[in-house]
Structures are given as C-alpha cells and as structure tokens.
Amino acid sequence: MRIFANVQELKAAVGEQFGPTEWRTVTQEQVNLFADATGDHQWIHVDVEAAAKGPFGGTIAHGYLSLSLLPSFMMELVRVDGLAMGINYGLDKVRFPTPVPVGARVRARGELVDLKGTPSGYLSKLRMTVEVEGRDKPACVAETLSLYVPAESS
C-alpha cells in the first residue's frame, strides 16, 4: 500500500502505478449473493449444471461484481491521510474484456491518471485494472473518480 500524508503528496504521484493487490478467489457463493443483491440470476452466473455446458465451461462472475471489488482493492493500493472524507464520485470508461470464471483468482493494479482541485475538494482519476490469474486480458478496466475532502487543518 502506498500511503500519502495529504493530497499534495498524492498530486506529486500523478502518472505512478500502484500494486498489485493480493490475489482473491471469486467463489460461487459470492456470485450467488451478488445475484440476489442485484436481481441478476442469469444462468451463466448461478446455474452450475447448465453453465458447465455453456460457452464459458462453467459459471462466471457478473461483470459488475468485478467492478464492485474496486473500492476494496483501492484500499489495498492507496491511502491518503489528512482527509475529512473521501467520496466515490463516479466512473469513466468501464470495460469488461474477459469473464472471470468462478474459482479464479483476481487482483488489481492502479494508475493515478489525474488529480485536480475543485471547489469541493480534490478529484482524482485512478485507472484500475482487475487481472485474472492465467489470463492475458483483464476482467475489468475502469477509471474511478474519487473526491478527497481535506480536513480543516490540512
């Protein structure tokens, strides 16, 4: 993990890469819980028997499940001290180039693309890439936007 004392230190790191994180295994239970939370029970995600005969040879994680891992991956990559709060502001250019088979291991890398001041705080753009062990293409590439609000004394 890269720790920054404040947003000014983070600004100096624009263009740097962070990571990778630790590997995490994507489980069928995790996929099923995500299906329950989102209402997306498509057979390629939750029907183990049918998916074994399908195009992927087994169940796969939802693309949005891969995306939902980004906040926890980010906490493994970067920490900025001296903040009142950090807010998820949005995403740019989200793609899912390859599926994540259930049972596969994933990890992430980040690259700080930009950090600019705004009236509300500092808006960062961190390009996150979720890798699948043994695969050439990533599972997810997204530019995450975070608003960092410095503490009053910073």
C-alpha atoms as a PDB file:
ATOM      1  CA  MET A   1       0.000   0.000   0.000  1.00  0.00           C
ATOM      2  CA  ARG A   2       1.170   3.485  -0.831  1.00  0.00           C
ATOM      3  CA  ILE A   3       0.437   5.984   1.958  1.00  0.00           C
ATOM      4  CA  PHE A   4       0.284   9.709   1.290  1.00  0.00           C
ATOM      5  CA  ALA A   5       0.339  12.274   4.112  1.00  0.00           C
ATOM      6  CA  ASN A   6      -2.030  14.587   2.214  1.00  0.00           C
ATOM      7  CA  VAL A   7      -3.474  15.359  -1.204  1.00  0.00           C
ATOM      8  CA  GLN A   8      -0.431  17.455  -2.135  1.00  0.00           C
ATOM      9  CA  GLU A   9       1.737  14.324  -1.858  1.00  0.00           C
ATOM     10  CA  LEU A  10      -0.834  12.428  -3.911  1.00  0.00           C
ATOM     11  CA  LYS A  11      -0.712  15.148  -6.598  1.00  0.00           C
ATOM     12  CA  ALA A  12       3.025  14.541  -6.968  1.00  0.00           C
ATOM     13  CA  ALA A  13       2.270  10.871  -7.740  1.00  0.00           C
ATOM     14  CA  VAL A  14       0.199  11.510 -10.888  1.00  0.00           C
ATOM     15  CA  GLY A  15       1.383   9.039 -13.510  1.00  0.00           C
ATOM     16  CA  GLU A  16       2.568   6.465 -10.963  1.00  0.00           C
ATOM     17  CA  GLN A  17       1.322   2.898 -10.777  1.00  0.00           C
ATOM     18  CA  PHE A  18       0.294   1.094  -7.596  1.00  0.00           C
ATOM     19  CA  GLY A  19       0.003  -2.576  -6.814  1.00  0.00           C
ATOM     20  CA  PRO A  20      -0.727  -5.271  -7.431  1.00  0.00           C
ATOM     21  CA  THR A  21      -3.042  -6.178  -4.584  1.00  0.00           C
ATOM     22  CA  GLU A  22      -3.211  -9.645  -3.060  1.00  0.00           C
ATOM     23  CA  TRP A  23      -4.988 -12.354  -5.068  1.00  0.00           C
ATOM     24  CA  ARG A  24      -8.635 -13.100  -4.143  1.00  0.00           C
ATOM     25  CA  THR A  25     -10.640 -16.138  -5.180  1.00  0.00           C
ATOM     26  CA  VAL A  26     -14.084 -15.500  -6.660  1.00  0.00           C
ATOM     27  CA  THR A  27     -16.499 -18.061  -5.184  1.00  0.00           C
ATOM     28  CA  GLN A  28     -19.886 -19.340  -6.318  1.00  0.00           C
ATOM     29  CA  GLU A  29     -21.340 -18.166  -3.001  1.00  0.00           C
ATOM     30  CA  GLN A  30     -20.090 -14.646  -3.718  1.00  0.00           C
ATOM     31  CA  VAL A  31     -21.611 -14.765  -7.229  1.00  0.00           C
ATOM     32  CA  ASN A  32     -24.935 -16.065  -5.853  1.00  0.00           C
ATOM     33  CA  LEU A  33     -25.066 -13.337  -3.204  1.00  0.00           C
ATOM     34  CA  PHE A  34     -24.336 -10.722  -5.850  1.00  0.00           C
ATOM     35  CA  ALA A  35     -27.124 -12.192  -8.000  1.00  0.00           C
ATOM     36  CA  ASP A  36     -29.505 -11.924  -5.031  1.00  0.00           C
ATOM     37  CA  ALA A  37     -28.437  -8.329  -4.328  1.00  0.00           C
ATOM     38  CA  THR A  38     -28.867  -7.205  -7.947  1.00  0.00           C
ATOM     39  CA  GLY A  39     -31.662  -9.476  -9.172  1.00  0.00           C
ATOM     40  CA  ASP A  40     -29.406 -10.730 -11.998  1.00  0.00           C
ATOM     41  CA  HIS A  41     -29.857 -14.514 -11.810  1.00  0.00           C
ATOM     42  CA  GLN A  42     -28.812 -15.271 -15.396  1.00  0.00           C
ATOM     43  CA  TRP A  43     -27.902 -18.948 -15.731  1.00  0.00           C
ATOM     44  CA  ILE A  44     -24.275 -18.241 -16.755  1.00  0.00           C
ATOM     45  CA  HIS A  45     -23.765 -16.915 -13.223  1.00  0.00           C
ATOM     46  CA  VAL A  46     -25.859 -19.129 -10.957  1.00  0.00           C
ATOM     47  CA  ASP A  47     -26.767 -22.412 -12.673  1.00  0.00           C
ATOM     48  CA  VAL A  48     -23.641 -24.545 -12.249  1.00  0.00           C
ATOM     49  CA  GLU A  49     -25.001 -27.507 -14.234  1.00  0.00           C
ATOM     50  CA  ALA A  50     -26.246 -25.507 -17.230  1.00  0.00           C
ATOM     51  CA  ALA A  51     -23.186 -23.237 -17.249  1.00  0.00           C
ATOM     52  CA  ALA A  52     -20.874 -26.284 -17.406  1.00  0.00           C
ATOM     53  CA  LYS A  53     -22.383 -26.964 -20.862  1.00  0.00           C
ATOM     54  CA  GLY A  54     -22.384 -23.292 -21.844  1.00  0.00           C
ATOM     55  CA  PRO A  55     -19.950 -21.059 -23.681  1.00  0.00           C
ATOM     56  CA  PHE A  56     -17.642 -20.499 -20.701  1.00  0.00           C
ATOM     57  CA  GLY A  57     -17.452 -24.096 -19.441  1.00  0.00           C
ATOM     58  CA  GLY A  58     -18.753 -23.083 -16.022  1.00  0.00           C
ATOM     59  CA  THR A  59     -20.296 -20.219 -14.114  1.00  0.00           C
ATOM     60  CA  ILE A  60     -18.753 -16.782 -14.376  1.00  0.00           C
ATOM     61  CA  ALA A  61     -18.863 -13.729 -12.149  1.00  0.00           C
ATOM     62  CA  HIS A  62     -21.015 -10.799 -13.152  1.00  0.00           C
ATOM     63  CA  GLY A  63     -19.007  -8.015 -14.752  1.00  0.00           C
ATOM     64  CA  TYR A  64     -20.496  -5.669 -12.193  1.00  0.00           C
ATOM     65  CA  LEU A  65     -19.275  -7.961  -9.417  1.00  0.00           C
ATOM     66  CA  SER A  66     -15.726  -7.391 -10.699  1.00  0.00           C
ATOM     67  CA  LEU A  67     -16.449  -3.672 -10.719  1.00  0.00           C
ATOM     68  CA  SER A  68     -17.840  -3.804  -7.171  1.00  0.00           C
ATOM     69  CA  LEU A  69     -14.490  -5.111  -5.902  1.00  0.00           C
ATOM     70  CA  LEU A  70     -12.729  -1.884  -6.864  1.00  0.00           C
ATOM     71  CA  PRO A  71     -13.289   0.025  -3.591  1.00  0.00           C
ATOM     72  CA  SER A  72     -11.775  -2.774  -1.523  1.00  0.00           C
ATOM     73  CA  PHE A  73      -8.901  -3.143  -3.990  1.00  0.00           C
ATOM     74  CA  MET A  74      -8.317   0.619  -3.812  1.00  0.00           C
ATOM     75  CA  MET A  75      -7.986   0.401  -0.037  1.00  0.00           C
ATOM     76  CA  GLU A  76      -5.154  -2.091  -0.573  1.00  0.00           C
ATOM     77  CA  LEU A  77      -3.388   0.187  -3.032  1.00  0.00           C
ATOM     78  CA  VAL A  78      -3.605   3.777  -1.789  1.00  0.00           C
ATOM     79  CA  ARG A  79      -4.318   5.652   1.437  1.00  0.00           C
ATOM     80  CA  VAL A  80      -4.467   9.429   1.735  1.00  0.00           C
ATOM     81  CA  ASP A  81      -4.184  10.874   5.224  1.00  0.00           C
ATOM     82  CA  GLY A  82      -5.303  14.333   6.331  1.00  0.00           C
ATOM     83  CA  LEU A  83      -8.800  13.984   4.922  1.00  0.00           C
ATOM     84  CA  ALA A  84     -12.202  14.813   6.358  1.00  0.00           C
ATOM     85  CA  MET A  85     -13.606  12.250   3.932  1.00  0.00           C
ATOM     86  CA  GLY A  86     -13.240  10.519   0.605  1.00  0.00           C
ATOM     87  CA  ILE A  87     -16.259  10.075  -1.648  1.00  0.00           C
ATOM     88  CA  ASN A  88     -16.818   7.757  -4.619  1.00  0.00           C
ATOM     89  CA  TYR A  89     -17.623  10.305  -7.319  1.00  0.00           C
ATOM     90  CA  GLY A  90     -18.145   8.055 -10.327  1.00  0.00           C
ATOM     91  CA  LEU A  91     -16.537   6.054 -13.090  1.00  0.00           C
ATOM     92  CA  ASP A  92     -15.273   6.645 -16.605  1.00  0.00           C
ATOM     93  CA  LYS A  93     -14.573   4.185 -19.433  1.00  0.00           C
ATOM     94  CA  VAL A  94     -15.636   0.935 -17.775  1.00  0.00           C
ATOM     95  CA  ARG A  95     -14.926  -2.238 -19.751  1.00  0.00           C
ATOM     96  CA  PHE A  96     -15.101  -5.996 -19.083  1.00  0.00           C
ATOM     97  CA  PRO A  97     -12.630  -7.511 -21.601  1.00  0.00           C
ATOM     98  CA  THR A  98     -12.724 -11.098 -20.291  1.00  0.00           C
ATOM     99  CA  PRO A  99     -15.024 -13.087 -17.973  1.00  0.00           C
ATOM    100  CA  VAL A 100     -14.000 -14.254 -14.514  1.00  0.00           C
ATOM    101  CA  PRO A 101     -14.659 -17.986 -14.078  1.00  0.00           C
ATOM    102  CA  VAL A 102     -15.915 -18.938 -10.633  1.00  0.00           C
ATOM    103  CA  GLY A 103     -12.934 -20.279  -8.701  1.00  0.00           C
ATOM    104  CA  ALA A 104     -10.468 -17.964 -10.473  1.00  0.00           C
ATOM    105  CA  ARG A 105      -8.223 -15.589  -8.589  1.00  0.00           C
ATOM    106  CA  VAL A 106      -8.277 -11.852  -9.262  1.00  0.00           C
ATOM    107  CA  ARG A 107      -6.156  -8.901  -8.179  1.00  0.00           C
ATOM    108  CA  ALA A 108      -5.885  -5.244  -9.140  1.00  0.00           C
ATOM    109  CA  ARG A 109      -3.403  -2.595 -10.134  1.00  0.00           C
ATOM    110  CA  GLY A 110      -3.957   1.139 -10.233  1.00  0.00           C
ATOM    111  CA  GLU A 111      -2.501   4.115 -12.046  1.00  0.00           C
ATOM    112  CA  LEU A 112      -3.106   7.658 -10.837  1.00  0.00           C
ATOM    113  CA  VAL A 113      -4.149   9.408 -14.045  1.00  0.00           C
ATOM    114  CA  ASP A 114      -5.082  12.834 -12.684  1.00  0.00           C
ATOM    115  CA  LEU A 115      -5.731  14.880  -9.547  1.00  0.00           C
ATOM    116  CA  LYS A 116      -7.253  18.327  -9.779  1.00  0.00           C
ATOM    117  CA  GLY A 117      -8.626  20.829  -7.320  1.00  0.00           C
ATOM    118  CA  THR A 118     -12.332  21.609  -7.305  1.00  0.00           C
ATOM    119  CA  PRO A 119     -14.444  23.869  -5.054  1.00  0.00           C
ATOM    120  CA  SER A 120     -15.474  20.718  -3.119  1.00  0.00           C
ATOM    121  CA  GLY A 121     -12.034  19.125  -2.744  1.00  0.00           C
ATOM    122  CA  TYR A 122      -9.655  17.211  -4.981  1.00  0.00           C
ATOM    123  CA  LEU A 123     -10.959  14.979  -7.747  1.00  0.00           C
ATOM    124  CA  SER A 124      -8.737  12.008  -8.546  1.00  0.00           C
ATOM    125  CA  LYS A 125      -8.885   9.680 -11.520  1.00  0.00           C
ATOM    126  CA  LEU A 126      -7.378   6.269 -10.787  1.00  0.00           C
ATOM    127  CA  ARG A 127      -7.340   3.742 -13.637  1.00  0.00           C
ATOM    128  CA  MET A 128      -7.998   0.354 -12.073  1.00  0.00           C
ATOM    129  CA  THR A 129      -7.244  -2.910 -13.842  1.00  0.00           C
ATOM    130  CA  VAL A 130      -8.580  -6.194 -12.436  1.00  0.00           C
ATOM    131  CA  GLU A 131      -6.428  -9.091 -13.570  1.00  0.00           C
ATOM    132  CA  VAL A 132      -7.462 -12.746 -13.746  1.00  0.00           C
ATOM    133  CA  GLU A 133      -4.719 -15.207 -12.882  1.00  0.00           C
ATOM    134  CA  GLY A 134      -3.548 -17.020 -16.011  1.00  0.00           C
ATOM    135  CA  ARG A 135      -5.417 -14.770 -18.443  1.00  0.00           C
ATOM    136  CA  ASP A 136      -3.877 -12.289 -20.859  1.00  0.00           C
ATOM    137  CA  LYS A 137      -6.827  -9.898 -20.847  1.00  0.00           C
ATOM    138  CA  PRO A 138      -8.081  -8.143 -17.703  1.00  0.00           C
ATOM    139  CA  ALA A 139     -11.526  -8.785 -16.266  1.00  0.00           C
ATOM    140  CA  CYS A 140     -12.254  -5.108 -15.732  1.00  0.00           C
ATOM    141  CA  VAL A 141     -10.659  -1.773 -16.576  1.00  0.00           C
ATOM    142  CA  ALA A 142     -12.265   1.340 -15.132  1.00  0.00           C
ATOM    143  CA  GLU A 143     -11.288   4.885 -14.363  1.00  0.00           C
ATOM    144  CA  THR A 144     -12.522   5.522 -10.837  1.00  0.00           C
ATOM    145  CA  LEU A 145     -13.250   9.056  -9.725  1.00  0.00           C
ATOM    146  CA  SER A 146     -12.835   9.921  -6.052  1.00  0.00           C
ATOM    147  CA  LEU A 147     -13.379  13.246  -4.329  1.00  0.00           C
ATOM    148  CA  TYR A 148     -10.919  13.849  -1.500  1.00  0.00           C
ATOM    149  CA  VAL A 149     -12.008  16.497   1.010  1.00  0.00           C
ATOM    150  CA  PRO A 150      -9.075  17.658   3.158  1.00  0.00           C
ATOM    151  CA  ALA A 151      -9.544  18.042   6.910  1.00  0.00           C
ATOM    152  CA  GLU A 152      -9.773  21.672   8.041  1.00  0.00           C
ATOM    153  CA  SER A 153      -6.224  21.645   9.407  1.00  0.00           C
ATOM    154  CA  SER A 154      -4.715  20.226   6.167  1.00  0.00           C
END
